[in-house]
Structure formats: structure tokens, C-alpha cells
Amino acid sequence: MPTERLTFPGHSGHDLAARLDMPDGPHLATALFAHCFTCSKDIPAARRIARRLAN
């Protein structure tokens, strides 16, 4: 599963980071997973959910 790391400016001008997990096969649908404010994109639960959605 290919993963692309992205950064973009947030509302206050600070850089925000994201990860785009793409399926190995054809792209059938899109889902956006947003973690809580006290977590990061790298918590194990968020990574497992994103990976399973992409699969």
C-alpha cells in the first residue's frame, strides 16, 4: 500500500502534516479519517484504521 506524506499551511500559518494511504489496486472510494485533537496521525489506532480502509 503506497503512502504519501503531505504538509500544508493551517489556519494560523503553522504547517500541518498528513498521510495519504492509497490502495494497491483500483481506487473505488474515498474516506477521510481525522484523529482527535490530543492525538497525532501516527497513533497505532489511526494507522490501523487507515490501512484497513485502504485495503
PDB file of N, CA and C in Angstrom:
ATOM      1  N   MET A   1       0.859  -1.171   0.000  1.00  0.00           N
ATOM      2  CA  MET A   1       0.000   0.000   0.000  1.00  0.00           C
ATOM      3  C   MET A   1       0.903   1.231   0.000  1.00  0.00           C
ATOM      4  N   PRO A   2       0.878   2.031  -1.049  1.00  0.00           N
ATOM      5  CA  PRO A   2       1.687   3.247  -1.084  1.00  0.00           C
ATOM      6  C   PRO A   2       1.155   4.310  -0.124  1.00  0.00           C
ATOM      7  N   THR A   3       2.076   4.994   0.534  1.00  0.00           N
ATOM      8  CA  THR A   3       1.735   6.073   1.457  1.00  0.00           C
ATOM      9  C   THR A   3       2.478   7.329   1.041  1.00  0.00           C
ATOM     10  N   GLU A   4       1.758   8.432   0.975  1.00  0.00           N
ATOM     11  CA  GLU A   4       2.357   9.719   0.624  1.00  0.00           C
ATOM     12  C   GLU A   4       2.232  10.648   1.827  1.00  0.00           C
ATOM     13  N   ARG A   5       3.331  11.275   2.223  1.00  0.00           N
ATOM     14  CA  ARG A   5       3.314  12.236   3.326  1.00  0.00           C
ATOM     15  C   ARG A   5       3.139  13.641   2.751  1.00  0.00           C
ATOM     16  N   LEU A   6       2.225  14.398   3.341  1.00  0.00           N
ATOM     17  CA  LEU A   6       1.892  15.737   2.860  1.00  0.00           C
ATOM     18  C   LEU A   6       2.032  16.754   3.984  1.00  0.00           C
ATOM     19  N   THR A   7       2.374  17.983   3.646  1.00  0.00           N
ATOM     20  CA  THR A   7       2.314  19.106   4.581  1.00  0.00           C
ATOM     21  C   THR A   7       1.599  20.255   3.881  1.00  0.00           C
ATOM     22  N   PHE A   8       0.872  21.021   4.669  1.00  0.00           N
ATOM     23  CA  PHE A   8       0.140  22.164   4.124  1.00  0.00           C
ATOM     24  C   PHE A   8      -0.055  23.177   5.238  1.00  0.00           C
ATOM     25  N   PRO A   9      -0.217  24.480   4.896  1.00  0.00           N
ATOM     26  CA  PRO A   9      -0.382  25.503   5.931  1.00  0.00           C
ATOM     27  C   PRO A   9      -1.761  25.414   6.571  1.00  0.00           C
ATOM     28  N   GLY A  10      -1.785  25.512   7.899  1.00  0.00           N
ATOM     29  CA  GLY A  10      -3.040  25.531   8.633  1.00  0.00           C
ATOM     30  C   GLY A  10      -3.596  26.943   8.736  1.00  0.00           C
ATOM     31  N   HIS A  11      -4.696  27.086   9.428  1.00  0.00           N
ATOM     32  CA  HIS A  11      -5.379  28.371   9.572  1.00  0.00           C
ATOM     33  C   HIS A  11      -4.477  29.439  10.186  1.00  0.00           C
ATOM     34  N   SER A  12      -3.669  29.040  11.189  1.00  0.00           N
ATOM     35  CA  SER A  12      -2.809  30.010  11.871  1.00  0.00           C
ATOM     36  C   SER A  12      -1.443  30.157  11.208  1.00  0.00           C
ATOM     37  N   GLY A  13      -1.221  29.476  10.091  1.00  0.00           N
ATOM     38  CA  GLY A  13       0.043  29.595   9.376  1.00  0.00           C
ATOM     39  C   GLY A  13       1.043  28.496   9.708  1.00  0.00           C
ATOM     40  N   HIS A  14       0.779  27.690  10.735  1.00  0.00           N
ATOM     41  CA  HIS A  14       1.671  26.577  11.068  1.00  0.00           C
ATOM     42  C   HIS A  14       1.466  25.449  10.066  1.00  0.00           C
ATOM     43  N   ASP A  15       2.562  24.745   9.765  1.00  0.00           N
ATOM     44  CA  ASP A  15       2.454  23.606   8.855  1.00  0.00           C
ATOM     45  C   ASP A  15       1.739  22.452   9.538  1.00  0.00           C
ATOM     46  N   LEU A  16       0.805  21.833   8.830  1.00  0.00           N
ATOM     47  CA  LEU A  16       0.109  20.640   9.287  1.00  0.00           C
ATOM     48  C   LEU A  16       0.613  19.464   8.470  1.00  0.00           C
ATOM     49  N   ALA A  17       0.617  18.293   9.074  1.00  0.00           N
ATOM     50  CA  ALA A  17       1.107  17.102   8.393  1.00  0.00           C
ATOM     51  C   ALA A  17      -0.032  16.115   8.200  1.00  0.00           C
ATOM     52  N   ALA A  18       0.033  15.390   7.095  1.00  0.00           N
ATOM     53  CA  ALA A  18      -0.979  14.377   6.795  1.00  0.00           C
ATOM     54  C   ALA A  18      -0.300  13.206   6.111  1.00  0.00           C
ATOM     55  N   ARG A  19      -1.017  12.109   6.072  1.00  0.00           N
ATOM     56  CA  ARG A  19      -0.542  10.923   5.383  1.00  0.00           C
ATOM     57  C   ARG A  19      -1.678  10.416   4.507  1.00  0.00           C
ATOM     58  N   LEU A  20      -1.394  10.134   3.249  1.00  0.00           N
ATOM     59  CA  LEU A  20      -2.381   9.640   2.304  1.00  0.00           C
ATOM     60  C   LEU A  20      -2.053   8.181   1.995  1.00  0.00           C
ATOM     61  N   ASP A  21      -2.914   7.270   2.457  1.00  0.00           N
ATOM     62  CA  ASP A  21      -2.743   5.843   2.204  1.00  0.00           C
ATOM     63  C   ASP A  21      -3.619   5.457   1.021  1.00  0.00           C
ATOM     64  N   MET A  22      -3.000   4.929  -0.016  1.00  0.00           N
ATOM     65  CA  MET A  22      -3.709   4.552  -1.234  1.00  0.00           C
ATOM     66  C   MET A  22      -3.757   3.038  -1.352  1.00  0.00           C
ATOM     67  N   PRO A  23      -4.818   2.495  -1.944  1.00  0.00           N
ATOM     68  CA  PRO A  23      -4.890   1.043  -2.140  1.00  0.00           C
ATOM     69  C   PRO A  23      -3.918   0.579  -3.218  1.00  0.00           C
ATOM     70  N   ASP A  24      -3.585  -0.702  -3.180  1.00  0.00           N
ATOM     71  CA  ASP A  24      -2.706  -1.266  -4.210  1.00  0.00           C
ATOM     72  C   ASP A  24      -3.426  -1.384  -5.552  1.00  0.00           C
ATOM     73  N   GLY A  25      -4.720  -1.637  -5.503  1.00  0.00           N
ATOM     74  CA  GLY A  25      -5.497  -1.822  -6.725  1.00  0.00           C
ATOM     75  C   GLY A  25      -6.219  -0.554  -7.129  1.00  0.00           C
ATOM     76  N   PRO A  26      -7.337  -0.715  -7.824  1.00  0.00           N
ATOM     77  CA  PRO A  26      -8.092   0.454  -8.292  1.00  0.00           C
ATOM     78  C   PRO A  26      -8.720   1.234  -7.139  1.00  0.00           C
ATOM     79  N   HIS A  27      -8.846   2.516  -7.339  1.00  0.00           N
ATOM     80  CA  HIS A  27      -9.429   3.424  -6.344  1.00  0.00           C
ATOM     81  C   HIS A  27     -10.947   3.361  -6.485  1.00  0.00           C
ATOM     82  N   LEU A  28     -11.631   2.813  -5.468  1.00  0.00           N
ATOM     83  CA  LEU A  28     -13.074   2.626  -5.541  1.00  0.00           C
ATOM     84  C   LEU A  28     -13.863   3.675  -4.760  1.00  0.00           C
ATOM     85  N   ALA A  29     -13.277   4.213  -3.691  1.00  0.00           N
ATOM     86  CA  ALA A  29     -13.978   5.173  -2.836  1.00  0.00           C
ATOM     87  C   ALA A  29     -12.940   5.986  -2.076  1.00  0.00           C
ATOM     88  N   THR A  30     -13.401   7.020  -1.386  1.00  0.00           N
ATOM     89  CA  THR A  30     -12.525   7.872  -0.594  1.00  0.00           C
ATOM     90  C   THR A  30     -13.073   7.984   0.817  1.00  0.00           C
ATOM     91  N   ALA A  31     -12.190   7.917   1.805  1.00  0.00           N
ATOM     92  CA  ALA A  31     -12.569   8.099   3.205  1.00  0.00           C
ATOM     93  C   ALA A  31     -11.553   9.028   3.856  1.00  0.00           C
ATOM     94  N   LEU A  32     -12.020   9.894   4.707  1.00  0.00           N
ATOM     95  CA  LEU A  32     -11.157  10.802   5.445  1.00  0.00           C
ATOM     96  C   LEU A  32     -11.226  10.422   6.908  1.00  0.00           C
ATOM     97  N   PHE A  33     -10.082  10.124   7.501  1.00  0.00           N
ATOM     98  CA  PHE A  33     -10.018   9.773   8.915  1.00  0.00           C
ATOM     99  C   PHE A  33      -9.330  10.924   9.633  1.00  0.00           C
ATOM    100  N   ALA A  34     -10.018  11.549  10.555  1.00  0.00           N
ATOM    101  CA  ALA A  34      -9.456  12.659  11.336  1.00  0.00           C
ATOM    102  C   ALA A  34      -9.296  12.209  12.779  1.00  0.00           C
ATOM    103  N   HIS A  35      -8.088  12.296  13.302  1.00  0.00           N
ATOM    104  CA  HIS A  35      -7.838  11.895  14.676  1.00  0.00           C
ATOM    105  C   HIS A  35      -8.283  12.997  15.634  1.00  0.00           C
ATOM    106  N   CYS A  36      -8.275  12.699  16.922  1.00  0.00           N
ATOM    107  CA  CYS A  36      -8.685  13.676  17.934  1.00  0.00           C
ATOM    108  C   CYS A  36      -7.617  14.771  18.078  1.00  0.00           C
ATOM    109  N   PHE A  37      -7.946  15.839  18.767  1.00  0.00           N
ATOM    110  CA  PHE A  37      -7.021  16.966  18.908  1.00  0.00           C
ATOM    111  C   PHE A  37      -5.814  16.643  19.777  1.00  0.00           C
ATOM    112  N   THR A  38      -5.943  15.690  20.696  1.00  0.00           N
ATOM    113  CA  THR A  38      -4.827  15.370  21.595  1.00  0.00           C
ATOM    114  C   THR A  38      -3.951  14.253  21.041  1.00  0.00           C
ATOM    115  N   CYS A  39      -4.279  13.738  19.875  1.00  0.00           N
ATOM    116  CA  CYS A  39      -3.518  12.645  19.260  1.00  0.00           C
ATOM    117  C   CYS A  39      -2.779  13.166  18.035  1.00  0.00           C
ATOM    118  N   SER A  40      -2.005  12.283  17.429  1.00  0.00           N
ATOM    119  CA  SER A  40      -1.331  12.638  16.182  1.00  0.00           C
ATOM    120  C   SER A  40      -1.722  11.629  15.104  1.00  0.00           C
ATOM    121  N   LYS A  41      -1.289  11.884  13.899  1.00  0.00           N
ATOM    122  CA  LYS A  41      -1.597  10.983  12.794  1.00  0.00           C
ATOM    123  C   LYS A  41      -0.863   9.658  12.928  1.00  0.00           C
ATOM    124  N   ASP A  42       0.104   9.572  13.841  1.00  0.00           N
ATOM    125  CA  ASP A  42       0.945   8.391  13.974  1.00  0.00           C
ATOM    126  C   ASP A  42       0.524   7.435  15.085  1.00  0.00           C
ATOM    127  N   ILE A  43      -0.621   7.665  15.731  1.00  0.00           N
ATOM    128  CA  ILE A  43      -1.046   6.730  16.774  1.00  0.00           C
ATOM    129  C   ILE A  43      -1.419   5.403  16.121  1.00  0.00           C
ATOM    130  N   PRO A  44      -1.151   4.293  16.801  1.00  0.00           N
ATOM    131  CA  PRO A  44      -1.400   2.975  16.192  1.00  0.00           C
ATOM    132  C   PRO A  44      -2.841   2.776  15.720  1.00  0.00           C
ATOM    133  N   ALA A  45      -3.820   3.227  16.479  1.00  0.00           N
ATOM    134  CA  ALA A  45      -5.219   3.025  16.081  1.00  0.00           C
ATOM    135  C   ALA A  45      -5.521   3.732  14.758  1.00  0.00           C
ATOM    136  N   ALA A  46      -5.069   4.954  14.598  1.00  0.00           N
ATOM    137  CA  ALA A  46      -5.312   5.701  13.360  1.00  0.00           C
ATOM    138  C   ALA A  46      -4.623   5.024  12.182  1.00  0.00           C
ATOM    139  N   ARG A  47      -3.427   4.537  12.388  1.00  0.00           N
ATOM    140  CA  ARG A  47      -2.708   3.860  11.298  1.00  0.00           C
ATOM    141  C   ARG A  47      -3.404   2.568  10.899  1.00  0.00           C
ATOM    142  N   ARG A  48      -3.884   1.784  11.882  1.00  0.00           N
ATOM    143  CA  ARG A  48      -4.592   0.536  11.570  1.00  0.00           C
ATOM    144  C   ARG A  48      -5.898   0.804  10.824  1.00  0.00           C
ATOM    145  N   ILE A  49      -6.657   1.802  11.279  1.00  0.00           N
ATOM    146  CA  ILE A  49      -7.922   2.131  10.626  1.00  0.00           C
ATOM    147  C   ILE A  49      -7.683   2.585   9.197  1.00  0.00           C
ATOM    148  N   ALA A  50      -6.714   3.469   8.985  1.00  0.00           N
ATOM    149  CA  ALA A  50      -6.416   3.973   7.645  1.00  0.00           C
ATOM    150  C   ALA A  50      -5.956   2.838   6.735  1.00  0.00           C
ATOM    151  N   ARG A  51      -5.130   1.958   7.250  1.00  0.00           N
ATOM    152  CA  ARG A  51      -4.626   0.837   6.447  1.00  0.00           C
ATOM    153  C   ARG A  51      -5.766  -0.101   6.049  1.00  0.00           C
ATOM    154  N   ARG A  52      -6.654  -0.394   6.982  1.00  0.00           N
ATOM    155  CA  ARG A  52      -7.777  -1.290   6.667  1.00  0.00           C
ATOM    156  C   ARG A  52      -8.769  -0.643   5.707  1.00  0.00           C
ATOM    157  N   LEU A  53      -8.987   0.653   5.846  1.00  0.00           N
ATOM    158  CA  LEU A  53      -9.858   1.342   4.882  1.00  0.00           C
ATOM    159  C   LEU A  53      -9.252   1.313   3.483  1.00  0.00           C
ATOM    160  N   ALA A  54      -7.954   1.500   3.391  1.00  0.00           N
ATOM    161  CA  ALA A  54      -7.296   1.481   2.079  1.00  0.00           C
ATOM    162  C   ALA A  54      -7.314   0.086   1.466  1.00  0.00           C
ATOM    163  N   ASN A  55      -7.227  -0.941   2.325  1.00  0.00           N
ATOM    164  CA  ASN A  55      -7.270  -2.321   1.808  1.00  0.00           C
ATOM    165  C   ASN A  55      -8.662  -2.652   1.330  1.00  0.00           C
TER     166      ASN A  55
END
